[in-house]
Amino acid sequence: MVEEKEGSGSSKPAGDSSPQLQEPLGHVKKSKQQVSEGFTIKAMMKNTLVRGPPSAGAFKERPPKPTIFRKFYERGDLPIALDHDTKGNRIAWKVEIETLDYSSYLPIFFHGLCEMTFPHEFFARQGIHDMLEHGGNKILPVIPQLIIPIKINSGDGIEYSQQKRENIGDLIQETLEALERCGGENAFINIKYMIPTYQSCILN
């Protein structure tokens, strides 16, 4: 009896290799899906994923627009500071309001009407109120210089009212009426010349 050599039953001829796995008949390899913009030729092809439109950004927070008022305030060129008392916030003027150069300062404050962040918006509106209240005969000569910032802010009215829930058009109307009341007997004529749609709050 011939003794079998160990492992002789499992030996394989030289050069033999294990069979490779093959894809079954009829199998179709999936093509890679491509991404395309809408309304293009690629978008109509098979295995194409159409990318949606970009976000319009309607609810994206917009940074405040830089204004002349903000520039002067942040440089420390305006004679104002914030003061707190039991009635709330108010402006602490560093000089007597009556001594201010209205031809320089009043237009700057009017440019700040479109500010939307504290304390800039508070300083601009309260500053205008204080200056009109104490300006007297200094107001009338400055009215022509106020028309441009008033028109600029009127254009921003829709955007501002949407973001702050405040109608800047009403604010400008109140300001014009204050100008008419405080600007002397020729104030209405000057305002009407610059803004033909304005209606007098005194004559009507």
N, C-alpha and C. Protein backbone atom coordinates (compact mmCIF):
# COMPACT_ATOMS: atom_id res chain seq x y z
N MET A 1 0.85 -1.19 0.00
CA MET A 1 0.00 0.00 0.00
C MET A 1 0.87 1.23 0.00
N VAL A 2 0.55 2.10 -0.95
CA VAL A 2 1.36 3.31 -1.09
C VAL A 2 0.77 4.43 -0.26
N GLU A 3 1.56 5.00 0.57
CA GLU A 3 1.09 6.09 1.46
C GLU A 3 1.02 7.39 0.68
N GLU A 4 -0.16 8.03 0.73
CA GLU A 4 -0.34 9.33 0.05
C GLU A 4 0.44 10.43 0.74
N LYS A 5 0.98 11.26 -0.09
CA LYS A 5 1.70 12.40 0.47
C LYS A 5 0.71 13.43 1.00
N GLU A 6 1.09 14.02 2.10
CA GLU A 6 0.24 15.01 2.77
C GLU A 6 0.00 16.21 1.86
N GLY A 7 -1.29 16.51 1.69
CA GLY A 7 -1.65 17.70 0.91
C GLY A 7 -1.68 17.45 -0.56
N SER A 8 -1.46 16.18 -1.00
CA SER A 8 -1.44 15.95 -2.43
C SER A 8 -2.81 16.08 -3.06
N GLY A 9 -3.87 15.81 -2.26
CA GLY A 9 -5.22 15.91 -2.80
C GLY A 9 -5.65 17.34 -3.07
N SER A 10 -5.08 18.30 -2.41
CA SER A 10 -5.50 19.70 -2.57
C SER A 10 -4.58 20.49 -3.47
N SER A 11 -3.59 19.81 -4.05
CA SER A 11 -2.65 20.53 -4.90
C SER A 11 -3.29 20.89 -6.21
N LYS A 12 -2.91 22.05 -6.82
CA LYS A 12 -3.45 22.53 -8.08
C LYS A 12 -2.32 22.69 -9.07
N PRO A 13 -2.65 22.51 -10.35
CA PRO A 13 -1.59 22.67 -11.36
C PRO A 13 -1.01 24.08 -11.31
N ALA A 14 0.24 24.16 -11.69
CA ALA A 14 0.91 25.47 -11.69
C ALA A 14 0.23 26.41 -12.66
N GLY A 15 0.09 27.63 -12.27
CA GLY A 15 -0.52 28.62 -13.14
C GLY A 15 -2.01 28.69 -13.03
N ASP A 16 -2.64 27.77 -12.29
CA ASP A 16 -4.09 27.80 -12.13
C ASP A 16 -4.48 28.90 -11.16
N SER A 17 -5.54 29.58 -11.42
CA SER A 17 -6.00 30.65 -10.54
C SER A 17 -7.47 30.49 -10.26
N SER A 18 -7.94 31.18 -9.18
CA SER A 18 -9.35 31.08 -8.79
C SER A 18 -10.21 31.76 -9.83
N PRO A 19 -11.40 31.24 -10.11
CA PRO A 19 -12.28 31.86 -11.12
C PRO A 19 -12.74 33.25 -10.68
N GLN A 20 -12.83 34.21 -11.65
CA GLN A 20 -13.26 35.57 -11.36
C GLN A 20 -14.78 35.63 -11.37
N LEU A 21 -15.34 36.46 -10.43
CA LEU A 21 -16.78 36.65 -10.39
C LEU A 21 -17.20 37.48 -11.58
N GLN A 22 -18.18 37.05 -12.28
CA GLN A 22 -18.66 37.74 -13.45
C GLN A 22 -20.07 38.25 -13.21
N GLU A 23 -20.38 39.39 -13.83
CA GLU A 23 -21.73 39.92 -13.70
C GLU A 23 -22.69 39.04 -14.46
N PRO A 24 -23.89 38.78 -13.91
CA PRO A 24 -24.85 37.92 -14.59
C PRO A 24 -25.26 38.53 -15.92
N LEU A 25 -25.66 37.64 -16.84
CA LEU A 25 -26.09 38.09 -18.15
C LEU A 25 -27.28 39.03 -18.03
N GLY A 26 -27.32 40.03 -18.85
CA GLY A 26 -28.43 40.97 -18.84
C GLY A 26 -28.28 42.11 -17.85
N HIS A 27 -27.20 42.06 -17.02
CA HIS A 27 -26.97 43.12 -16.03
C HIS A 27 -26.40 44.35 -16.72
N VAL A 28 -26.99 45.54 -16.44
CA VAL A 28 -26.53 46.78 -17.03
C VAL A 28 -25.95 47.67 -15.93
N LYS A 29 -24.74 48.10 -16.12
CA LYS A 29 -24.08 48.94 -15.12
C LYS A 29 -24.72 50.32 -15.09
N LYS A 30 -25.05 50.78 -13.89
CA LYS A 30 -25.71 52.07 -13.74
C LYS A 30 -24.75 53.21 -14.08
N SER A 31 -25.24 54.18 -14.84
CA SER A 31 -24.41 55.33 -15.17
C SER A 31 -24.45 56.34 -14.03
N LYS A 32 -23.40 57.10 -13.92
CA LYS A 32 -23.29 58.08 -12.84
C LYS A 32 -24.26 59.24 -13.06
N GLN A 33 -24.97 59.63 -11.99
CA GLN A 33 -25.94 60.72 -12.11
C GLN A 33 -25.22 62.06 -12.15
N GLN A 34 -25.62 62.91 -13.05
CA GLN A 34 -25.01 64.22 -13.17
C GLN A 34 -25.97 65.30 -12.70
N VAL A 35 -25.41 66.42 -12.25
CA VAL A 35 -26.20 67.54 -11.75
C VAL A 35 -26.10 68.69 -12.75
N SER A 36 -27.23 69.31 -13.03
CA SER A 36 -27.25 70.37 -14.03
C SER A 36 -28.17 71.50 -13.58
N GLU A 37 -27.91 72.67 -14.13
CA GLU A 37 -28.80 73.80 -13.90
C GLU A 37 -30.10 73.60 -14.68
N GLY A 38 -31.16 74.23 -14.23
CA GLY A 38 -32.43 74.12 -14.92
C GLY A 38 -32.42 74.87 -16.24
N PHE A 39 -33.33 74.48 -17.12
CA PHE A 39 -33.51 75.13 -18.43
C PHE A 39 -32.25 75.05 -19.29
N THR A 40 -31.55 73.90 -19.22
CA THR A 40 -30.39 73.66 -20.08
C THR A 40 -30.59 72.35 -20.82
N ILE A 41 -29.75 72.08 -21.83
CA ILE A 41 -29.85 70.82 -22.58
C ILE A 41 -29.57 69.63 -21.67
N LYS A 42 -28.57 69.76 -20.80
CA LYS A 42 -28.24 68.67 -19.88
C LYS A 42 -29.40 68.32 -18.97
N ALA A 43 -30.21 69.33 -18.63
CA ALA A 43 -31.31 69.09 -17.71
C ALA A 43 -32.34 68.14 -18.30
N MET A 44 -32.39 68.00 -19.64
CA MET A 44 -33.36 67.13 -20.29
C MET A 44 -32.83 65.72 -20.53
N MET A 45 -31.57 65.49 -20.20
CA MET A 45 -30.97 64.18 -20.42
C MET A 45 -31.32 63.23 -19.29
N LYS A 46 -31.18 61.91 -19.58
CA LYS A 46 -31.45 60.90 -18.56
C LYS A 46 -30.40 60.97 -17.45
N ASN A 47 -30.81 60.45 -16.27
CA ASN A 47 -29.91 60.41 -15.10
C ASN A 47 -29.33 61.78 -14.76
N THR A 48 -30.16 62.80 -14.92
CA THR A 48 -29.72 64.16 -14.59
C THR A 48 -30.56 64.71 -13.45
N LEU A 49 -29.89 65.19 -12.45
CA LEU A 49 -30.55 65.84 -11.32
C LEU A 49 -30.50 67.35 -11.54
N VAL A 50 -31.66 67.97 -11.60
CA VAL A 50 -31.72 69.41 -11.86
C VAL A 50 -31.56 70.16 -10.54
N ARG A 51 -30.56 71.03 -10.50
CA ARG A 51 -30.29 71.83 -9.30
C ARG A 51 -31.34 72.93 -9.17
N GLY A 52 -31.86 73.13 -7.97
CA GLY A 52 -32.87 74.15 -7.73
C GLY A 52 -32.30 75.55 -7.82
N PRO A 53 -33.16 76.56 -7.90
CA PRO A 53 -32.68 77.95 -8.00
C PRO A 53 -32.02 78.38 -6.70
N PRO A 54 -31.06 79.30 -6.77
CA PRO A 54 -30.41 79.79 -5.54
C PRO A 54 -31.38 80.59 -4.68
N SER A 55 -31.06 80.68 -3.41
CA SER A 55 -31.90 81.43 -2.48
C SER A 55 -31.92 82.90 -2.86
N ALA A 56 -33.12 83.48 -2.84
CA ALA A 56 -33.25 84.90 -3.21
C ALA A 56 -32.74 85.82 -2.11
N GLY A 57 -32.62 85.30 -0.89
CA GLY A 57 -32.10 86.11 0.21
C GLY A 57 -33.08 87.14 0.74
N ALA A 58 -34.39 86.90 0.55
CA ALA A 58 -35.39 87.88 0.99
C ALA A 58 -35.38 88.03 2.51
N PHE A 59 -35.06 86.95 3.22
CA PHE A 59 -35.09 87.00 4.68
C PHE A 59 -33.69 87.09 5.28
N LYS A 60 -32.70 87.25 4.42
CA LYS A 60 -31.34 87.38 4.90
C LYS A 60 -31.12 88.76 5.50
N GLU A 61 -30.51 88.78 6.67
CA GLU A 61 -30.29 90.07 7.35
C GLU A 61 -29.29 90.90 6.56
N ARG A 62 -29.66 92.12 6.26
CA ARG A 62 -28.79 93.00 5.48
C ARG A 62 -28.01 93.92 6.43
N PRO A 63 -26.73 94.10 6.14
CA PRO A 63 -25.97 95.03 6.97
C PRO A 63 -26.45 96.45 6.75
N PRO A 64 -26.37 97.28 7.77
CA PRO A 64 -26.83 98.66 7.61
C PRO A 64 -26.01 99.41 6.58
N LYS A 65 -26.69 100.27 5.83
CA LYS A 65 -25.98 101.07 4.84
C LYS A 65 -25.16 102.14 5.56
N PRO A 66 -23.93 102.34 5.16
CA PRO A 66 -23.14 103.40 5.78
C PRO A 66 -23.69 104.77 5.42
N THR A 67 -23.76 105.66 6.37
CA THR A 67 -24.27 107.00 6.13
C THR A 67 -23.25 108.03 6.60
N ILE A 68 -23.44 109.25 6.12
CA ILE A 68 -22.57 110.34 6.58
C ILE A 68 -22.70 110.50 8.09
N PHE A 69 -23.92 110.36 8.58
CA PHE A 69 -24.14 110.51 10.01
C PHE A 69 -23.32 109.49 10.80
N ARG A 70 -23.36 108.23 10.39
CA ARG A 70 -22.60 107.18 11.10
C ARG A 70 -21.11 107.48 11.08
N LYS A 71 -20.62 107.93 9.93
CA LYS A 71 -19.20 108.25 9.79
C LYS A 71 -18.78 109.32 10.79
N PHE A 72 -19.57 110.40 10.86
CA PHE A 72 -19.23 111.49 11.78
C PHE A 72 -19.37 111.04 13.24
N TYR A 73 -20.40 110.26 13.52
CA TYR A 73 -20.61 109.81 14.90
C TYR A 73 -19.47 108.92 15.38
N GLU A 74 -19.07 107.96 14.56
CA GLU A 74 -18.04 107.02 14.97
C GLU A 74 -16.66 107.67 15.05
N ARG A 75 -16.49 108.78 14.36
CA ARG A 75 -15.23 109.53 14.48
C ARG A 75 -15.24 110.47 15.68
N GLY A 76 -16.39 110.60 16.33
CA GLY A 76 -16.49 111.48 17.49
C GLY A 76 -16.63 112.94 17.11
N ASP A 77 -17.12 113.21 15.89
CA ASP A 77 -17.23 114.59 15.41
C ASP A 77 -18.57 115.24 15.74
N LEU A 78 -19.50 114.49 16.34
CA LEU A 78 -20.80 115.07 16.70
C LEU A 78 -20.83 115.34 18.20
N PRO A 79 -21.29 116.53 18.60
CA PRO A 79 -21.26 116.90 20.03
C PRO A 79 -22.41 116.28 20.82
N ILE A 80 -22.51 114.97 20.79
CA ILE A 80 -23.63 114.28 21.45
C ILE A 80 -23.13 113.09 22.24
N ALA A 81 -23.91 112.71 23.25
CA ALA A 81 -23.65 111.51 24.04
C ALA A 81 -24.99 110.96 24.49
N LEU A 82 -25.01 109.70 24.86
CA LEU A 82 -26.26 109.07 25.30
C LEU A 82 -26.41 109.22 26.80
N ASP A 83 -27.58 109.68 27.23
CA ASP A 83 -27.86 109.88 28.64
C ASP A 83 -29.12 109.10 29.01
N HIS A 84 -29.07 108.43 30.17
CA HIS A 84 -30.22 107.66 30.65
C HIS A 84 -30.80 108.36 31.89
N ASP A 85 -32.11 108.44 31.91
CA ASP A 85 -32.77 108.93 33.12
C ASP A 85 -34.04 108.12 33.34
N THR A 86 -34.85 108.52 34.30
CA THR A 86 -36.05 107.75 34.62
C THR A 86 -37.07 107.72 33.48
N LYS A 87 -36.98 108.68 32.56
CA LYS A 87 -37.92 108.74 31.44
C LYS A 87 -37.43 107.97 30.22
N GLY A 88 -36.21 107.47 30.27
CA GLY A 88 -35.65 106.72 29.14
C GLY A 88 -34.38 107.37 28.61
N ASN A 89 -34.09 107.13 27.35
CA ASN A 89 -32.88 107.68 26.72
C ASN A 89 -33.11 109.10 26.23
N ARG A 90 -32.07 109.88 26.28
CA ARG A 90 -32.10 111.22 25.71
C ARG A 90 -30.69 111.60 25.29
N ILE A 91 -30.59 112.66 24.49
CA ILE A 91 -29.28 113.12 24.05
C ILE A 91 -28.71 114.12 25.04
N ALA A 92 -27.48 113.88 25.42
CA ALA A 92 -26.76 114.85 26.25
C ALA A 92 -25.87 115.66 25.28
N TRP A 93 -26.31 116.87 24.98
CA TRP A 93 -25.55 117.73 24.07
C TRP A 93 -24.33 118.30 24.79
N LYS A 94 -23.19 118.25 24.13
CA LYS A 94 -21.94 118.73 24.74
C LYS A 94 -21.78 120.24 24.59
N VAL A 95 -22.65 120.84 23.77
CA VAL A 95 -22.65 122.29 23.59
C VAL A 95 -24.10 122.75 23.62
N GLU A 96 -24.32 124.05 23.75
CA GLU A 96 -25.67 124.59 23.67
C GLU A 96 -26.20 124.42 22.25
N ILE A 97 -27.40 123.88 22.12
CA ILE A 97 -27.95 123.61 20.79
C ILE A 97 -28.04 124.88 19.96
N GLU A 98 -28.39 125.99 20.62
CA GLU A 98 -28.55 127.25 19.90
C GLU A 98 -27.25 127.74 19.26
N THR A 99 -26.11 127.27 19.76
CA THR A 99 -24.81 127.72 19.22
C THR A 99 -24.30 126.85 18.08
N LEU A 100 -25.03 125.78 17.73
CA LEU A 100 -24.59 124.88 16.67
C LEU A 100 -24.62 125.55 15.31
N ASP A 101 -23.74 125.13 14.43
CA ASP A 101 -23.77 125.56 13.04
C ASP A 101 -24.79 124.69 12.33
N TYR A 102 -26.00 125.20 12.16
CA TYR A 102 -27.10 124.41 11.61
C TYR A 102 -26.85 124.01 10.16
N SER A 103 -26.15 124.84 9.40
CA SER A 103 -25.89 124.51 8.00
C SER A 103 -24.99 123.29 7.86
N SER A 104 -24.23 122.99 8.90
CA SER A 104 -23.35 121.81 8.88
C SER A 104 -24.01 120.61 9.54
N TYR A 105 -24.55 120.81 10.73
CA TYR A 105 -25.02 119.67 11.53
C TYR A 105 -26.41 119.16 11.14
N LEU A 106 -27.34 120.05 10.83
CA LEU A 106 -28.70 119.58 10.55
C LEU A 106 -28.76 118.64 9.33
N PRO A 107 -28.09 118.95 8.21
CA PRO A 107 -28.09 117.99 7.10
C PRO A 107 -27.47 116.65 7.47
N ILE A 108 -26.44 116.65 8.31
CA ILE A 108 -25.81 115.39 8.73
C ILE A 108 -26.80 114.52 9.49
N PHE A 109 -27.56 115.14 10.39
CA PHE A 109 -28.56 114.38 11.15
C PHE A 109 -29.66 113.86 10.23
N PHE A 110 -30.03 114.63 9.22
CA PHE A 110 -31.06 114.17 8.28
C PHE A 110 -30.57 112.96 7.49
N HIS A 111 -29.28 112.92 7.17
CA HIS A 111 -28.73 111.74 6.48
C HIS A 111 -28.84 110.50 7.36
N GLY A 112 -28.91 110.69 8.65
CA GLY A 112 -29.00 109.55 9.56
C GLY A 112 -30.41 108.98 9.71
N LEU A 113 -31.39 109.54 9.01
CA LEU A 113 -32.77 109.05 9.14
C LEU A 113 -32.92 107.60 8.69
N CYS A 114 -32.06 107.13 7.80
CA CYS A 114 -32.18 105.75 7.33
C CYS A 114 -31.39 104.77 8.18
N GLU A 115 -30.79 105.23 9.27
CA GLU A 115 -30.10 104.31 10.18
C GLU A 115 -31.12 103.38 10.83
N MET A 116 -30.72 102.12 11.05
CA MET A 116 -31.64 101.13 11.57
C MET A 116 -31.15 100.48 12.86
N THR A 117 -29.98 100.87 13.34
CA THR A 117 -29.44 100.24 14.55
C THR A 117 -29.25 101.28 15.65
N PHE A 118 -29.40 100.83 16.88
CA PHE A 118 -29.19 101.69 18.04
C PHE A 118 -27.69 101.76 18.32
N PRO A 119 -27.15 102.94 18.68
CA PRO A 119 -27.87 104.18 19.01
C PRO A 119 -28.00 105.15 17.83
N HIS A 120 -27.54 104.74 16.64
CA HIS A 120 -27.51 105.68 15.51
C HIS A 120 -28.91 106.19 15.16
N GLU A 121 -29.88 105.27 15.08
CA GLU A 121 -31.23 105.70 14.71
C GLU A 121 -31.82 106.64 15.77
N PHE A 122 -31.54 106.37 17.04
CA PHE A 122 -32.07 107.22 18.11
C PHE A 122 -31.43 108.61 18.04
N PHE A 123 -30.11 108.67 17.90
CA PHE A 123 -29.42 109.95 17.85
C PHE A 123 -29.90 110.80 16.67
N ALA A 124 -30.08 110.17 15.50
CA ALA A 124 -30.48 110.93 14.31
C ALA A 124 -31.86 111.55 14.50
N ARG A 125 -32.82 110.74 14.95
CA ARG A 125 -34.19 111.24 15.08
C ARG A 125 -34.35 112.23 16.22
N GLN A 126 -33.78 111.89 17.37
CA GLN A 126 -33.90 112.78 18.51
C GLN A 126 -33.10 114.06 18.29
N GLY A 127 -31.96 113.92 17.58
CA GLY A 127 -31.13 115.10 17.30
C GLY A 127 -31.87 116.08 16.41
N ILE A 128 -32.56 115.58 15.38
CA ILE A 128 -33.36 116.45 14.52
C ILE A 128 -34.45 117.14 15.31
N HIS A 129 -35.13 116.37 16.17
CA HIS A 129 -36.21 116.95 16.98
C HIS A 129 -35.66 118.07 17.87
N ASP A 130 -34.54 117.84 18.52
CA ASP A 130 -33.97 118.85 19.42
C ASP A 130 -33.54 120.10 18.65
N MET A 131 -32.92 119.90 17.48
CA MET A 131 -32.42 121.04 16.71
C MET A 131 -33.57 121.86 16.13
N LEU A 132 -34.65 121.20 15.68
CA LEU A 132 -35.79 121.94 15.17
C LEU A 132 -36.49 122.71 16.28
N GLU A 133 -36.50 122.15 17.46
CA GLU A 133 -37.18 122.79 18.59
C GLU A 133 -36.45 124.05 19.04
N HIS A 134 -35.12 124.06 18.93
CA HIS A 134 -34.33 125.18 19.43
C HIS A 134 -33.72 126.03 18.32
N GLY A 135 -33.98 125.67 17.04
CA GLY A 135 -33.27 126.33 15.94
C GLY A 135 -33.75 127.73 15.62
N GLY A 136 -35.07 127.97 15.73
CA GLY A 136 -35.58 129.30 15.41
C GLY A 136 -35.30 129.70 13.98
N ASN A 137 -34.75 130.91 13.81
CA ASN A 137 -34.51 131.44 12.47
C ASN A 137 -33.29 130.82 11.78
N LYS A 138 -32.60 129.89 12.44
CA LYS A 138 -31.47 129.20 11.81
C LYS A 138 -31.94 128.10 10.87
N ILE A 139 -33.21 127.71 10.98
CA ILE A 139 -33.70 126.56 10.23
C ILE A 139 -33.97 126.89 8.77
N LEU A 140 -34.63 128.02 8.51
CA LEU A 140 -35.06 128.36 7.16
C LEU A 140 -33.92 128.35 6.14
N PRO A 141 -32.76 128.97 6.41
CA PRO A 141 -31.69 128.96 5.39
C PRO A 141 -31.15 127.57 5.07
N VAL A 142 -31.39 126.60 5.95
CA VAL A 142 -30.82 125.26 5.77
C VAL A 142 -31.76 124.34 4.99
N ILE A 143 -33.03 124.73 4.84
CA ILE A 143 -34.02 123.85 4.21
C ILE A 143 -33.56 123.31 2.86
N PRO A 144 -32.98 124.12 1.95
CA PRO A 144 -32.54 123.56 0.66
C PRO A 144 -31.54 122.42 0.79
N GLN A 145 -30.70 122.45 1.84
CA GLN A 145 -29.70 121.40 2.03
C GLN A 145 -30.31 120.10 2.58
N LEU A 146 -31.56 120.18 3.04
CA LEU A 146 -32.20 119.01 3.63
C LEU A 146 -32.98 118.20 2.61
N ILE A 147 -33.22 118.77 1.44
CA ILE A 147 -34.07 118.11 0.46
C ILE A 147 -33.45 116.81 -0.04
N ILE A 148 -32.14 116.83 -0.35
CA ILE A 148 -31.49 115.61 -0.87
C ILE A 148 -31.55 114.47 0.13
N PRO A 149 -31.15 114.65 1.40
CA PRO A 149 -31.28 113.51 2.33
C PRO A 149 -32.72 113.08 2.55
N ILE A 150 -33.66 114.04 2.48
CA ILE A 150 -35.08 113.67 2.64
C ILE A 150 -35.52 112.78 1.47
N LYS A 151 -35.13 113.14 0.25
CA LYS A 151 -35.51 112.33 -0.91
C LYS A 151 -34.83 110.97 -0.88
N ILE A 152 -33.57 110.94 -0.45
CA ILE A 152 -32.86 109.65 -0.36
C ILE A 152 -33.57 108.73 0.61
N ASN A 153 -33.95 109.26 1.76
CA ASN A 153 -34.61 108.45 2.77
C ASN A 153 -36.02 108.06 2.36
N SER A 154 -36.66 108.89 1.56
CA SER A 154 -37.98 108.53 1.04
C SER A 154 -37.87 107.31 0.14
N GLY A 155 -36.78 107.21 -0.61
CA GLY A 155 -36.57 106.06 -1.47
C GLY A 155 -36.32 104.79 -0.69
N ASP A 156 -35.76 104.92 0.51
CA ASP A 156 -35.49 103.75 1.35
C ASP A 156 -36.67 103.38 2.22
N GLY A 157 -37.79 104.08 2.07
CA GLY A 157 -38.92 103.90 2.98
C GLY A 157 -39.48 102.50 3.01
N ILE A 158 -39.63 101.86 1.82
CA ILE A 158 -40.23 100.53 1.77
C ILE A 158 -39.35 99.53 2.50
N GLU A 159 -38.05 99.53 2.15
CA GLU A 159 -37.14 98.58 2.78
C GLU A 159 -37.07 98.80 4.29
N TYR A 160 -37.02 100.06 4.70
CA TYR A 160 -36.90 100.35 6.12
C TYR A 160 -38.15 99.89 6.87
N SER A 161 -39.32 100.18 6.33
CA SER A 161 -40.56 99.81 7.02
C SER A 161 -40.70 98.31 7.12
N GLN A 162 -40.18 97.55 6.12
CA GLN A 162 -40.25 96.10 6.18
C GLN A 162 -39.37 95.56 7.28
N GLN A 163 -38.21 96.15 7.47
CA GLN A 163 -37.26 95.62 8.44
C GLN A 163 -37.53 96.12 9.85
N LYS A 164 -38.03 97.35 9.98
CA LYS A 164 -38.20 97.93 11.31
C LYS A 164 -39.66 98.13 11.70
N ARG A 165 -40.58 97.78 10.79
CA ARG A 165 -42.01 97.95 11.05
C ARG A 165 -42.34 99.41 11.40
N GLU A 166 -41.66 100.29 10.72
CA GLU A 166 -41.90 101.72 10.92
C GLU A 166 -41.92 102.38 9.56
N ASN A 167 -42.86 103.26 9.34
CA ASN A 167 -42.97 103.93 8.05
C ASN A 167 -42.16 105.22 8.08
N ILE A 168 -41.02 105.21 7.38
CA ILE A 168 -40.15 106.38 7.39
C ILE A 168 -40.80 107.55 6.66
N GLY A 169 -41.77 107.24 5.76
CA GLY A 169 -42.49 108.32 5.09
C GLY A 169 -43.25 109.18 6.07
N ASP A 170 -43.86 108.55 7.08
CA ASP A 170 -44.57 109.32 8.12
C ASP A 170 -43.59 110.18 8.91
N LEU A 171 -42.41 109.62 9.18
CA LEU A 171 -41.40 110.37 9.92
C LEU A 171 -40.96 111.61 9.15
N ILE A 172 -40.77 111.45 7.84
CA ILE A 172 -40.35 112.59 7.01
C ILE A 172 -41.46 113.63 6.94
N GLN A 173 -42.72 113.17 6.84
CA GLN A 173 -43.84 114.11 6.81
C GLN A 173 -43.89 114.92 8.10
N GLU A 174 -43.70 114.26 9.23
CA GLU A 174 -43.69 114.97 10.52
C GLU A 174 -42.54 115.97 10.58
N THR A 175 -41.40 115.57 10.00
CA THR A 175 -40.23 116.46 10.01
C THR A 175 -40.48 117.70 9.16
N LEU A 176 -41.09 117.51 7.99
CA LEU A 176 -41.40 118.65 7.13
C LEU A 176 -42.38 119.60 7.81
N GLU A 177 -43.35 119.03 8.50
CA GLU A 177 -44.31 119.87 9.22
C GLU A 177 -43.62 120.64 10.34
N ALA A 178 -42.66 119.99 11.00
CA ALA A 178 -41.91 120.69 12.04
C ALA A 178 -41.06 121.80 11.43
N LEU A 179 -40.51 121.54 10.24
CA LEU A 179 -39.75 122.59 9.55
C LEU A 179 -40.63 123.77 9.21
N GLU A 180 -41.86 123.51 8.78
CA GLU A 180 -42.77 124.59 8.43
C GLU A 180 -43.15 125.41 9.66
N ARG A 181 -43.39 124.72 10.76
CA ARG A 181 -43.80 125.43 11.99
C ARG A 181 -42.66 126.24 12.59
N CYS A 182 -41.44 125.71 12.50
CA CYS A 182 -40.31 126.34 13.18
C CYS A 182 -39.44 127.19 12.26
N GLY A 183 -39.67 127.12 10.95
CA GLY A 183 -38.75 127.77 10.01
C GLY A 183 -39.09 129.18 9.63
N GLY A 184 -40.11 129.76 10.21
CA GLY A 184 -40.45 131.14 9.89
C GLY A 184 -41.54 131.24 8.83
N GLU A 185 -41.91 132.48 8.48
CA GLU A 185 -43.06 132.72 7.60
C GLU A 185 -42.84 132.23 6.16
N ASN A 186 -41.59 132.12 5.72
CA ASN A 186 -41.31 131.67 4.35
C ASN A 186 -40.96 130.19 4.27
N ALA A 187 -41.10 129.48 5.37
CA ALA A 187 -40.72 128.07 5.38
C ALA A 187 -41.54 127.25 4.41
N PHE A 188 -42.86 127.47 4.41
CA PHE A 188 -43.73 126.69 3.52
C PHE A 188 -43.37 126.91 2.06
N ILE A 189 -43.11 128.16 1.67
CA ILE A 189 -42.77 128.46 0.28
C ILE A 189 -41.51 127.71 -0.15
N ASN A 190 -40.52 127.69 0.74
CA ASN A 190 -39.27 127.00 0.43
C ASN A 190 -39.46 125.49 0.33
N ILE A 191 -40.24 124.94 1.26
CA ILE A 191 -40.49 123.49 1.23
C ILE A 191 -41.28 123.12 -0.03
N LYS A 192 -42.28 123.93 -0.34
CA LYS A 192 -43.13 123.65 -1.51
C LYS A 192 -42.33 123.75 -2.81
N TYR A 193 -41.37 124.64 -2.84
CA TYR A 193 -40.54 124.79 -4.03
C TYR A 193 -39.68 123.55 -4.25
N MET A 194 -39.15 122.99 -3.17
CA MET A 194 -38.28 121.83 -3.26
C MET A 194 -39.07 120.52 -3.38
N ILE A 195 -40.24 120.46 -2.69
CA ILE A 195 -41.08 119.27 -2.70
C ILE A 195 -42.49 119.70 -3.09
N PRO A 196 -42.82 119.73 -4.38
CA PRO A 196 -44.11 120.26 -4.84
C PRO A 196 -45.32 119.52 -4.28
N THR A 197 -45.17 118.28 -3.87
CA THR A 197 -46.31 117.51 -3.37
C THR A 197 -46.63 117.82 -1.90
N TYR A 198 -45.79 118.61 -1.24
CA TYR A 198 -46.01 118.87 0.17
C TYR A 198 -47.24 119.77 0.36
N GLN A 199 -48.05 119.43 1.34
CA GLN A 199 -49.23 120.22 1.69
C GLN A 199 -49.03 120.84 3.07
N SER A 200 -49.33 122.11 3.20
CA SER A 200 -49.10 122.84 4.45
C SER A 200 -49.92 122.25 5.59
N CYS A 201 -49.28 122.17 6.74
CA CYS A 201 -49.98 121.73 7.96
C CYS A 201 -50.58 122.91 8.71
N ILE A 202 -50.29 124.12 8.25
CA ILE A 202 -50.79 125.33 8.91
C ILE A 202 -51.91 125.97 8.11
N LEU A 203 -51.72 126.06 6.79
CA LEU A 203 -52.71 126.73 5.93
C LEU A 203 -53.95 125.86 5.72
N ASN A 204 -53.77 124.55 5.75
CA ASN A 204 -54.92 123.65 5.50
C ASN A 204 -55.69 123.36 6.79
